[in-house]
Amino acid sequence: MANFAGKYHYHHNENFEKYMETIAGAAGADAAKKFHEYKPYFVVTVSGDYYTFTLYFGDKEITNSFYLGTEFDEKTFYFETFKTVCKKYDNKLVFVSKFSNGNTSTREYEFTHGKVKAYYYEEKHGVTATVWFEHHA
């Protein structure tokens, strides 16, 4: 079983700006550029089925806490909030989010060997992205 708890620093991405533009328009594309510039990191804490993800992005701190399998209001670094459910599969955490416009996004975080590879998939247009993070003590 994977240990999800830890601190993970942004390393690089593939197609993240296009993905963000697709789900959040020009503001999303701008947020993706800042994401790359600020080199954010996130911290995961776990207590049973209760998870807390805190993203540190520039001078901002965004915290989301939730139980696996239970819908919650997820706050994002680009200041949108949407309904999300997270489920655990072996070494993966999979988030499925519903946007107010009816679109759906899936983010699959794969935790392996001190790294996290995050796959993003936007349902309506089929846009994908991948973001890599590295574990730091």
Protein backbone atom coordinates (compact mmCIF):
# COMPACT_ATOMS: atom_id res chain seq x y z
CA MET A 1 0.00 0.00 0.00
CA ALA A 2 1.32 3.44 -0.94
CA ASN A 3 2.17 6.06 1.64
CA PHE A 4 0.62 9.25 0.28
CA ALA A 5 1.66 11.53 3.14
CA GLY A 6 4.48 13.95 2.40
CA LYS A 7 5.64 17.13 0.72
CA TYR A 8 5.80 17.20 -3.09
CA HIS A 9 7.43 19.95 -5.17
CA TYR A 10 6.44 20.80 -8.72
CA HIS A 11 9.03 19.60 -11.24
CA HIS A 12 7.63 20.06 -14.77
CA ASN A 13 4.53 19.59 -16.91
CA GLU A 14 3.31 18.62 -20.34
CA ASN A 15 0.33 20.46 -21.89
CA PHE A 16 -0.87 21.92 -18.56
CA GLU A 17 -1.44 25.41 -19.97
CA LYS A 18 -3.71 24.04 -22.73
CA TYR A 19 -5.60 21.90 -20.23
CA MET A 20 -6.16 24.88 -17.92
CA GLU A 21 -7.23 27.09 -20.82
CA THR A 22 -9.78 24.46 -21.81
CA ILE A 23 -11.35 24.14 -18.36
CA ALA A 24 -11.07 27.77 -17.21
CA GLY A 25 -10.52 29.99 -20.27
CA ALA A 26 -7.84 32.69 -20.51
CA ALA A 27 -7.73 33.00 -16.70
CA GLY A 28 -6.89 29.28 -16.52
CA ALA A 29 -4.05 29.65 -19.04
CA ASP A 30 -2.65 32.58 -17.02
CA ALA A 31 -2.93 30.54 -13.81
CA ALA A 32 -1.03 27.65 -15.47
CA LYS A 33 1.80 30.01 -16.44
CA LYS A 34 2.01 31.27 -12.85
CA PHE A 35 1.88 27.68 -11.61
CA HIS A 36 5.03 26.95 -13.61
CA GLU A 37 6.74 30.20 -12.55
CA TYR A 38 5.99 29.87 -8.82
CA LYS A 39 7.12 26.23 -8.60
CA PRO A 40 4.39 25.29 -6.11
CA TYR A 41 4.37 22.36 -3.75
CA PHE A 42 1.70 20.43 -1.93
CA VAL A 43 1.60 18.62 1.40
CA VAL A 44 -0.56 15.56 2.01
CA THR A 45 -1.56 14.39 5.47
CA VAL A 46 -3.55 11.23 6.06
CA SER A 47 -5.56 9.95 9.01
CA GLY A 48 -7.39 6.76 8.05
CA ASP A 49 -9.71 7.71 5.17
CA TYR A 50 -9.42 11.45 5.93
CA TYR A 51 -6.99 13.33 3.66
CA THR A 52 -5.78 16.91 3.65
CA PHE A 53 -4.07 18.41 0.60
CA THR A 54 -2.53 21.85 1.07
CA LEU A 55 -1.12 23.61 -2.00
CA TYR A 56 1.41 26.40 -1.53
CA PHE A 57 1.28 28.60 -4.61
CA GLY A 58 3.20 31.89 -4.51
CA ASP A 59 1.89 33.67 -1.42
CA LYS A 60 -1.32 31.60 -1.41
CA GLU A 61 -2.20 28.52 0.59
CA ILE A 62 -5.18 26.41 -0.53
CA THR A 63 -6.34 23.57 1.73
CA ASN A 64 -8.83 20.84 0.89
CA SER A 65 -9.78 18.17 3.42
CA PHE A 66 -12.02 15.23 2.60
CA TYR A 67 -12.98 11.62 3.23
CA LEU A 68 -12.32 9.13 0.46
CA GLY A 69 -15.44 8.42 -1.57
CA THR A 70 -17.36 11.44 -0.22
CA GLU A 71 -18.17 14.49 -2.36
CA PHE A 72 -16.57 17.73 -1.16
CA ASP A 73 -16.24 21.35 -2.34
CA GLU A 74 -12.74 21.54 -3.78
CA LYS A 75 -11.02 24.94 -3.85
CA THR A 76 -8.48 25.46 -6.65
CA PHE A 77 -5.39 27.60 -7.13
CA TYR A 78 -7.27 29.53 -9.83
CA PHE A 79 -10.06 30.41 -7.37
CA GLU A 80 -12.82 28.16 -8.66
CA THR A 81 -14.68 25.72 -6.43
CA PHE A 82 -16.27 22.54 -7.70
CA LYS A 83 -17.76 19.27 -6.50
CA THR A 84 -15.14 16.52 -6.28
CA VAL A 85 -14.91 12.90 -5.16
CA CYS A 86 -11.55 11.23 -4.46
CA LYS A 87 -10.99 7.47 -4.45
CA LYS A 88 -7.87 5.42 -3.70
CA TYR A 89 -6.61 2.63 -5.97
CA ASP A 90 -3.34 1.01 -4.79
CA ASN A 91 -0.71 3.76 -5.30
CA LYS A 92 -3.14 6.20 -6.95
CA LEU A 93 -5.54 8.87 -5.77
CA VAL A 94 -8.18 9.67 -8.39
CA PHE A 95 -10.17 12.91 -8.22
CA VAL A 96 -13.31 13.34 -10.35
CA SER A 97 -14.59 16.91 -10.44
CA LYS A 98 -17.84 18.31 -11.81
CA PHE A 99 -17.83 21.89 -13.06
CA SER A 100 -20.80 24.24 -12.96
CA ASN A 101 -20.95 24.14 -16.79
CA GLY A 102 -21.58 20.37 -16.71
CA ASN A 103 -18.06 19.38 -17.75
CA THR A 104 -16.06 16.77 -15.82
CA SER A 105 -12.35 16.50 -15.12
CA THR A 106 -10.40 13.53 -13.80
CA ARG A 107 -7.01 13.86 -12.10
CA GLU A 108 -5.08 10.73 -11.30
CA TYR A 109 -2.11 11.13 -8.94
CA GLU A 110 0.26 8.16 -9.13
CA PHE A 111 2.69 7.95 -6.19
CA THR A 112 5.87 5.99 -6.98
CA HIS A 113 9.47 6.01 -5.74
CA GLY A 114 9.44 9.53 -4.26
CA LYS A 115 7.62 11.04 -7.23
CA VAL A 116 4.07 11.89 -8.18
CA LYS A 117 2.90 11.80 -11.76
CA ALA A 118 -0.45 13.57 -12.10
CA TYR A 119 -2.55 12.80 -15.17
CA TYR A 120 -5.29 15.31 -16.00
CA TYR A 121 -8.19 14.57 -18.36
CA GLU A 122 -10.95 17.00 -19.37
CA GLU A 123 -14.00 15.07 -20.60
CA LYS A 124 -15.83 17.42 -22.99
CA HIS A 125 -12.91 18.17 -25.36
CA GLY A 126 -10.59 15.30 -24.44
CA VAL A 127 -7.70 17.58 -23.46
CA THR A 128 -5.02 15.92 -21.33
CA ALA A 129 -1.99 17.08 -19.37
CA THR A 130 0.63 15.56 -17.12
CA VAL A 131 2.33 17.26 -14.17
CA TRP A 132 5.30 15.80 -12.28
CA PHE A 133 6.17 16.42 -8.63
CA GLU A 134 9.07 15.17 -6.52
CA HIS A 135 8.95 14.17 -2.85
CA HIS A 136 10.93 16.34 -0.43
CA ALA A 137 11.57 15.61 3.23
